[in-house]
């Protein structure tokens, strides 16, 4: 499995590592981050907060705006602990719905939720 170096070029500051092309993480970045990434936006806590404040419908938490890794982590948590979104008019709901496309993640979600009771 190879890493996609082109994806990491502009986004290297926010990626801890270059994701493998076959990974869910790579696909998630392609779907939800490549089109919004602007290296000038992600420069400080104030910049993150300002971006979040103007894109409330795009991220499940303020922390999710800080990087693709934090976004997928926060959104995955939302996937685990909330019901499947039906109204997909907001990007943050599309992100949560994204995980429902993977049978293995839906199975994992069920196991986690069952063990919380």
N, C-alpha and C. Protein backbone atom coordinates (compact mmCIF):
# COMPACT_ATOMS: atom_id res chain seq x y z
N UNK A 1 0.84 -1.18 0.00
CA UNK A 1 0.00 0.00 0.00
C UNK A 1 0.88 1.24 0.00
N UNK A 2 0.60 2.12 -0.90
CA UNK A 2 1.43 3.30 -1.02
C UNK A 2 0.75 4.52 -0.41
N UNK A 3 1.57 5.47 -0.04
CA UNK A 3 1.05 6.72 0.49
C UNK A 3 0.93 7.72 -0.65
N UNK A 4 -0.04 8.59 -0.59
CA UNK A 4 -0.22 9.61 -1.62
C UNK A 4 0.49 10.88 -1.17
N UNK A 5 1.65 11.10 -1.72
CA UNK A 5 2.45 12.27 -1.33
C UNK A 5 1.82 13.57 -1.79
N UNK A 6 1.07 13.58 -2.90
CA UNK A 6 0.47 14.82 -3.38
C UNK A 6 -0.55 15.35 -2.39
N UNK A 7 -1.28 14.47 -1.74
CA UNK A 7 -2.26 14.89 -0.74
C UNK A 7 -1.56 15.58 0.41
N UNK A 8 -0.38 15.13 0.74
CA UNK A 8 0.34 15.68 1.89
C UNK A 8 1.05 16.99 1.57
N UNK A 9 1.24 17.29 0.31
CA UNK A 9 1.97 18.49 -0.07
C UNK A 9 1.50 19.75 0.63
N UNK A 10 0.31 20.21 0.32
CA UNK A 10 -0.23 21.43 0.91
C UNK A 10 -0.73 21.22 2.33
N UNK A 11 -1.16 20.01 2.65
CA UNK A 11 -1.79 19.77 3.94
C UNK A 11 -0.82 19.22 4.98
N UNK A 12 0.46 19.21 4.69
CA UNK A 12 1.43 18.56 5.57
C UNK A 12 1.38 19.09 7.00
N UNK A 13 1.06 20.35 7.18
CA UNK A 13 1.02 20.92 8.53
C UNK A 13 -0.09 20.31 9.38
N UNK A 14 -1.16 19.86 8.76
CA UNK A 14 -2.28 19.32 9.53
C UNK A 14 -2.32 17.81 9.55
N UNK A 15 -1.50 17.16 8.76
CA UNK A 15 -1.49 15.70 8.72
C UNK A 15 -0.28 15.17 9.48
N UNK A 16 -0.52 14.27 10.41
CA UNK A 16 0.60 13.67 11.12
C UNK A 16 1.36 12.71 10.21
N UNK A 17 0.66 12.12 9.27
CA UNK A 17 1.26 11.20 8.31
C UNK A 17 0.43 11.23 7.04
N UNK A 18 1.01 10.81 5.96
CA UNK A 18 0.26 10.73 4.71
C UNK A 18 -0.60 9.46 4.75
N UNK A 19 -1.91 9.59 4.61
CA UNK A 19 -2.76 8.39 4.65
C UNK A 19 -2.60 7.54 3.40
N UNK A 20 -2.79 6.26 3.56
CA UNK A 20 -2.75 5.34 2.43
C UNK A 20 -3.99 5.54 1.57
N UNK A 21 -3.81 5.43 0.26
CA UNK A 21 -4.92 5.65 -0.68
C UNK A 21 -6.10 4.74 -0.41
N UNK A 22 -5.84 3.55 0.10
CA UNK A 22 -6.90 2.57 0.33
C UNK A 22 -7.62 2.79 1.66
N UNK A 23 -7.21 3.78 2.42
CA UNK A 23 -7.76 3.96 3.76
C UNK A 23 -9.04 4.79 3.77
N UNK A 24 -9.83 4.56 4.80
CA UNK A 24 -11.02 5.37 5.03
C UNK A 24 -10.60 6.82 5.27
N UNK A 25 -9.51 7.01 5.98
CA UNK A 25 -9.01 8.36 6.28
C UNK A 25 -8.69 9.13 4.99
N UNK A 26 -8.02 8.49 4.06
CA UNK A 26 -7.71 9.12 2.78
C UNK A 26 -9.00 9.55 2.07
N UNK A 27 -9.95 8.63 2.01
CA UNK A 27 -11.21 8.92 1.34
C UNK A 27 -11.95 10.07 2.04
N UNK A 28 -11.94 10.06 3.35
CA UNK A 28 -12.60 11.11 4.14
C UNK A 28 -11.99 12.48 3.82
N UNK A 29 -10.67 12.53 3.78
CA UNK A 29 -9.99 13.79 3.45
C UNK A 29 -10.37 14.25 2.04
N UNK A 30 -10.39 13.31 1.10
CA UNK A 30 -10.77 13.66 -0.27
C UNK A 30 -12.18 14.23 -0.33
N UNK A 31 -13.09 13.63 0.41
CA UNK A 31 -14.49 14.05 0.38
C UNK A 31 -14.74 15.36 1.13
N UNK A 32 -14.07 15.54 2.26
CA UNK A 32 -14.46 16.62 3.15
C UNK A 32 -13.40 17.69 3.43
N UNK A 33 -12.15 17.48 3.02
CA UNK A 33 -11.11 18.44 3.36
C UNK A 33 -10.39 19.06 2.18
N UNK A 34 -10.16 18.32 1.14
CA UNK A 34 -9.35 18.85 0.03
C UNK A 34 -9.96 20.14 -0.52
N UNK A 35 -11.27 20.18 -0.64
CA UNK A 35 -11.91 21.36 -1.22
C UNK A 35 -11.94 22.57 -0.28
N UNK A 36 -11.79 22.35 1.02
CA UNK A 36 -11.86 23.48 1.97
C UNK A 36 -10.50 23.89 2.50
N UNK A 37 -9.49 23.06 2.29
CA UNK A 37 -8.21 23.35 2.91
C UNK A 37 -7.58 24.61 2.33
N UNK A 38 -7.20 25.49 3.24
CA UNK A 38 -6.48 26.71 2.88
C UNK A 38 -5.44 26.92 3.97
N UNK A 39 -4.17 26.78 3.62
CA UNK A 39 -3.11 26.83 4.63
C UNK A 39 -3.10 28.14 5.41
N UNK A 40 -3.66 29.20 4.84
CA UNK A 40 -3.68 30.49 5.54
C UNK A 40 -4.74 30.53 6.64
N UNK A 41 -5.72 29.67 6.57
CA UNK A 41 -6.77 29.64 7.59
C UNK A 41 -6.27 28.95 8.85
N UNK A 42 -5.53 27.87 8.69
CA UNK A 42 -5.11 27.06 9.83
C UNK A 42 -3.77 27.54 10.38
N UNK A 43 -3.80 28.72 11.02
CA UNK A 43 -2.56 29.31 11.51
C UNK A 43 -2.55 29.57 13.00
N UNK A 44 -3.72 29.62 13.64
CA UNK A 44 -3.77 29.93 15.07
C UNK A 44 -5.11 29.49 15.65
N UNK A 45 -5.19 29.50 16.98
CA UNK A 45 -6.46 29.16 17.63
C UNK A 45 -7.56 30.13 17.22
N UNK A 46 -7.22 31.40 17.10
CA UNK A 46 -8.22 32.39 16.67
C UNK A 46 -8.71 32.08 15.26
N UNK A 47 -7.80 31.67 14.40
CA UNK A 47 -8.19 31.34 13.02
C UNK A 47 -9.12 30.13 13.01
N UNK A 48 -8.80 29.12 13.83
CA UNK A 48 -9.68 27.95 13.92
C UNK A 48 -11.07 28.36 14.39
N UNK A 49 -11.09 29.16 15.45
CA UNK A 49 -12.37 29.58 16.03
C UNK A 49 -13.18 30.41 15.04
N UNK A 50 -12.52 31.31 14.34
CA UNK A 50 -13.21 32.13 13.35
C UNK A 50 -13.79 31.25 12.23
N UNK A 51 -12.99 30.29 11.78
CA UNK A 51 -13.47 29.40 10.72
C UNK A 51 -14.66 28.58 11.21
N UNK A 52 -14.55 28.04 12.41
CA UNK A 52 -15.66 27.25 12.96
C UNK A 52 -16.92 28.10 13.08
N UNK A 53 -16.77 29.31 13.60
CA UNK A 53 -17.92 30.19 13.80
C UNK A 53 -18.67 30.49 12.50
N UNK A 54 -17.95 30.48 11.40
CA UNK A 54 -18.60 30.75 10.11
C UNK A 54 -18.95 29.48 9.34
N UNK A 55 -18.64 28.31 9.94
CA UNK A 55 -18.93 27.03 9.30
C UNK A 55 -19.52 26.04 10.31
N UNK A 56 -20.46 26.49 11.10
CA UNK A 56 -21.06 25.66 12.15
C UNK A 56 -21.71 24.39 11.61
N UNK A 57 -22.18 24.44 10.39
CA UNK A 57 -22.85 23.28 9.80
C UNK A 57 -21.87 22.26 9.21
N UNK A 58 -20.58 22.57 9.27
CA UNK A 58 -19.58 21.70 8.63
C UNK A 58 -18.85 20.77 9.60
N UNK A 59 -18.83 21.10 10.89
CA UNK A 59 -18.04 20.35 11.86
C UNK A 59 -18.88 20.00 13.08
N UNK A 60 -18.68 18.79 13.62
CA UNK A 60 -19.49 18.35 14.76
C UNK A 60 -19.07 19.02 16.07
N UNK A 61 -17.84 19.49 16.16
CA UNK A 61 -17.35 20.20 17.34
C UNK A 61 -16.36 21.27 16.90
N UNK A 62 -16.09 22.25 17.74
CA UNK A 62 -15.06 23.24 17.39
C UNK A 62 -13.68 22.60 17.21
N UNK A 63 -13.38 21.58 18.00
CA UNK A 63 -12.07 20.93 17.90
C UNK A 63 -11.87 20.23 16.56
N UNK A 64 -12.95 19.80 15.95
CA UNK A 64 -12.87 19.08 14.67
C UNK A 64 -12.27 19.93 13.56
N UNK A 65 -12.37 21.23 13.68
CA UNK A 65 -11.87 22.11 12.62
C UNK A 65 -10.34 22.19 12.61
N UNK A 66 -9.68 21.71 13.66
CA UNK A 66 -8.23 21.90 13.77
C UNK A 66 -7.40 21.06 12.81
N UNK A 67 -7.93 19.93 12.35
CA UNK A 67 -7.19 19.10 11.39
C UNK A 67 -8.08 17.99 10.87
N UNK A 68 -7.71 17.40 9.76
CA UNK A 68 -8.48 16.26 9.26
C UNK A 68 -8.52 15.11 10.28
N UNK A 69 -7.42 14.88 10.98
CA UNK A 69 -7.37 13.79 11.96
C UNK A 69 -8.35 14.03 13.10
N UNK A 70 -8.40 15.26 13.59
CA UNK A 70 -9.33 15.57 14.67
C UNK A 70 -10.77 15.57 14.17
N UNK A 71 -10.96 15.99 12.94
CA UNK A 71 -12.30 15.99 12.37
C UNK A 71 -12.84 14.57 12.26
N UNK A 72 -12.05 13.67 11.72
CA UNK A 72 -12.54 12.29 11.56
C UNK A 72 -12.74 11.64 12.94
N UNK A 73 -11.89 11.96 13.90
CA UNK A 73 -12.03 11.39 15.24
C UNK A 73 -13.30 11.89 15.92
N UNK A 74 -13.53 13.18 15.88
CA UNK A 74 -14.73 13.76 16.50
C UNK A 74 -16.00 13.28 15.79
N UNK A 75 -15.93 13.18 14.48
CA UNK A 75 -17.09 12.74 13.71
C UNK A 75 -17.37 11.26 13.95
N UNK A 76 -16.31 10.46 14.08
CA UNK A 76 -16.50 9.04 14.38
C UNK A 76 -17.17 8.88 15.75
N UNK A 77 -16.77 9.68 16.70
CA UNK A 77 -17.41 9.64 18.02
C UNK A 77 -18.90 9.98 17.90
N UNK A 78 -19.21 10.96 17.10
CA UNK A 78 -20.61 11.33 16.86
C UNK A 78 -21.36 10.16 16.21
N UNK A 79 -20.72 9.48 15.29
CA UNK A 79 -21.29 8.29 14.65
C UNK A 79 -21.61 7.22 15.69
N UNK A 80 -20.73 7.02 16.63
CA UNK A 80 -20.93 5.99 17.66
C UNK A 80 -22.09 6.35 18.58
N UNK A 81 -22.16 7.59 19.01
CA UNK A 81 -23.07 7.96 20.09
C UNK A 81 -24.39 8.60 19.67
N UNK A 82 -24.60 8.80 18.38
CA UNK A 82 -25.88 9.38 17.93
C UNK A 82 -26.52 8.45 16.91
N UNK A 83 -27.75 8.75 16.61
CA UNK A 83 -28.47 7.95 15.62
C UNK A 83 -28.06 8.37 14.21
N UNK A 84 -28.36 7.53 13.27
CA UNK A 84 -28.03 7.80 11.87
C UNK A 84 -28.75 9.06 11.40
N UNK A 85 -28.02 10.02 10.86
CA UNK A 85 -28.68 11.25 10.39
C UNK A 85 -29.50 10.98 9.12
N UNK A 86 -30.66 11.56 9.08
CA UNK A 86 -31.53 11.41 7.91
C UNK A 86 -31.54 12.69 7.08
N UNK A 87 -31.46 13.82 7.74
CA UNK A 87 -31.41 15.11 7.05
C UNK A 87 -29.94 15.40 6.75
N UNK A 88 -29.59 15.37 5.50
CA UNK A 88 -28.19 15.55 5.11
C UNK A 88 -27.94 16.93 4.49
N UNK A 89 -28.67 17.91 4.95
CA UNK A 89 -28.50 19.26 4.41
C UNK A 89 -27.25 19.94 4.96
N UNK A 90 -26.70 19.42 6.06
CA UNK A 90 -25.49 19.99 6.65
C UNK A 90 -24.31 19.05 6.39
N UNK A 91 -23.16 19.63 6.14
CA UNK A 91 -21.97 18.83 5.87
C UNK A 91 -21.62 17.95 7.07
N UNK A 92 -21.78 18.47 8.28
CA UNK A 92 -21.44 17.66 9.45
C UNK A 92 -22.30 16.40 9.52
N UNK A 93 -23.53 16.46 9.07
CA UNK A 93 -24.37 15.27 9.04
C UNK A 93 -23.96 14.32 7.92
N UNK A 94 -23.50 14.87 6.81
CA UNK A 94 -22.98 14.02 5.73
C UNK A 94 -21.73 13.28 6.20
N UNK A 95 -20.92 13.95 7.02
CA UNK A 95 -19.72 13.31 7.55
C UNK A 95 -20.08 12.14 8.46
N UNK A 96 -21.06 12.33 9.33
CA UNK A 96 -21.50 11.24 10.21
C UNK A 96 -22.10 10.11 9.37
N UNK A 97 -22.92 10.46 8.42
CA UNK A 97 -23.56 9.47 7.55
C UNK A 97 -22.51 8.67 6.77
N UNK A 98 -21.39 9.29 6.45
CA UNK A 98 -20.31 8.64 5.71
C UNK A 98 -19.92 7.30 6.35
N UNK A 99 -19.84 7.26 7.66
CA UNK A 99 -19.42 6.04 8.35
C UNK A 99 -20.43 4.91 8.21
N UNK A 100 -21.67 5.25 7.96
CA UNK A 100 -22.71 4.23 7.77
C UNK A 100 -22.51 3.45 6.48
N UNK A 101 -21.61 3.89 5.62
CA UNK A 101 -21.32 3.19 4.36
C UNK A 101 -20.39 1.99 4.55
N UNK A 102 -19.87 1.82 5.76
CA UNK A 102 -18.90 0.76 6.01
C UNK A 102 -19.50 -0.24 6.99
N UNK A 103 -19.82 -1.42 6.46
CA UNK A 103 -20.47 -2.46 7.27
C UNK A 103 -19.67 -2.76 8.54
N UNK A 104 -18.35 -2.83 8.41
CA UNK A 104 -17.52 -3.15 9.56
C UNK A 104 -17.59 -2.07 10.65
N UNK A 105 -17.77 -0.83 10.25
CA UNK A 105 -17.89 0.25 11.23
C UNK A 105 -19.27 0.25 11.89
N UNK A 106 -20.28 -0.09 11.13
CA UNK A 106 -21.63 -0.20 11.70
C UNK A 106 -21.66 -1.34 12.72
N UNK A 107 -21.00 -2.44 12.39
CA UNK A 107 -20.91 -3.57 13.32
C UNK A 107 -20.15 -3.17 14.58
N UNK A 108 -19.04 -2.49 14.41
CA UNK A 108 -18.26 -2.01 15.55
C UNK A 108 -19.09 -1.07 16.41
N UNK A 109 -19.82 -0.17 15.78
CA UNK A 109 -20.70 0.76 16.50
C UNK A 109 -21.69 0.00 17.37
N UNK A 110 -22.30 -1.01 16.80
CA UNK A 110 -23.28 -1.81 17.55
C UNK A 110 -22.63 -2.48 18.76
N UNK A 111 -21.45 -3.03 18.57
CA UNK A 111 -20.74 -3.69 19.68
C UNK A 111 -20.40 -2.69 20.79
N UNK A 112 -19.91 -1.55 20.40
CA UNK A 112 -19.55 -0.52 21.39
C UNK A 112 -20.79 -0.09 22.17
N UNK A 113 -21.85 0.21 21.45
CA UNK A 113 -23.08 0.67 22.11
C UNK A 113 -23.68 -0.41 23.02
N UNK A 114 -23.59 -1.65 22.60
CA UNK A 114 -24.10 -2.75 23.41
C UNK A 114 -23.32 -2.87 24.72
N UNK A 115 -22.02 -2.67 24.65
CA UNK A 115 -21.17 -2.79 25.83
C UNK A 115 -21.24 -1.58 26.76
N UNK A 116 -21.88 -0.52 26.33
CA UNK A 116 -22.04 0.65 27.18
C UNK A 116 -23.22 0.53 28.13
N UNK A 117 -24.09 -0.41 27.84
CA UNK A 117 -25.32 -0.56 28.65
C UNK A 117 -25.06 -1.34 29.91
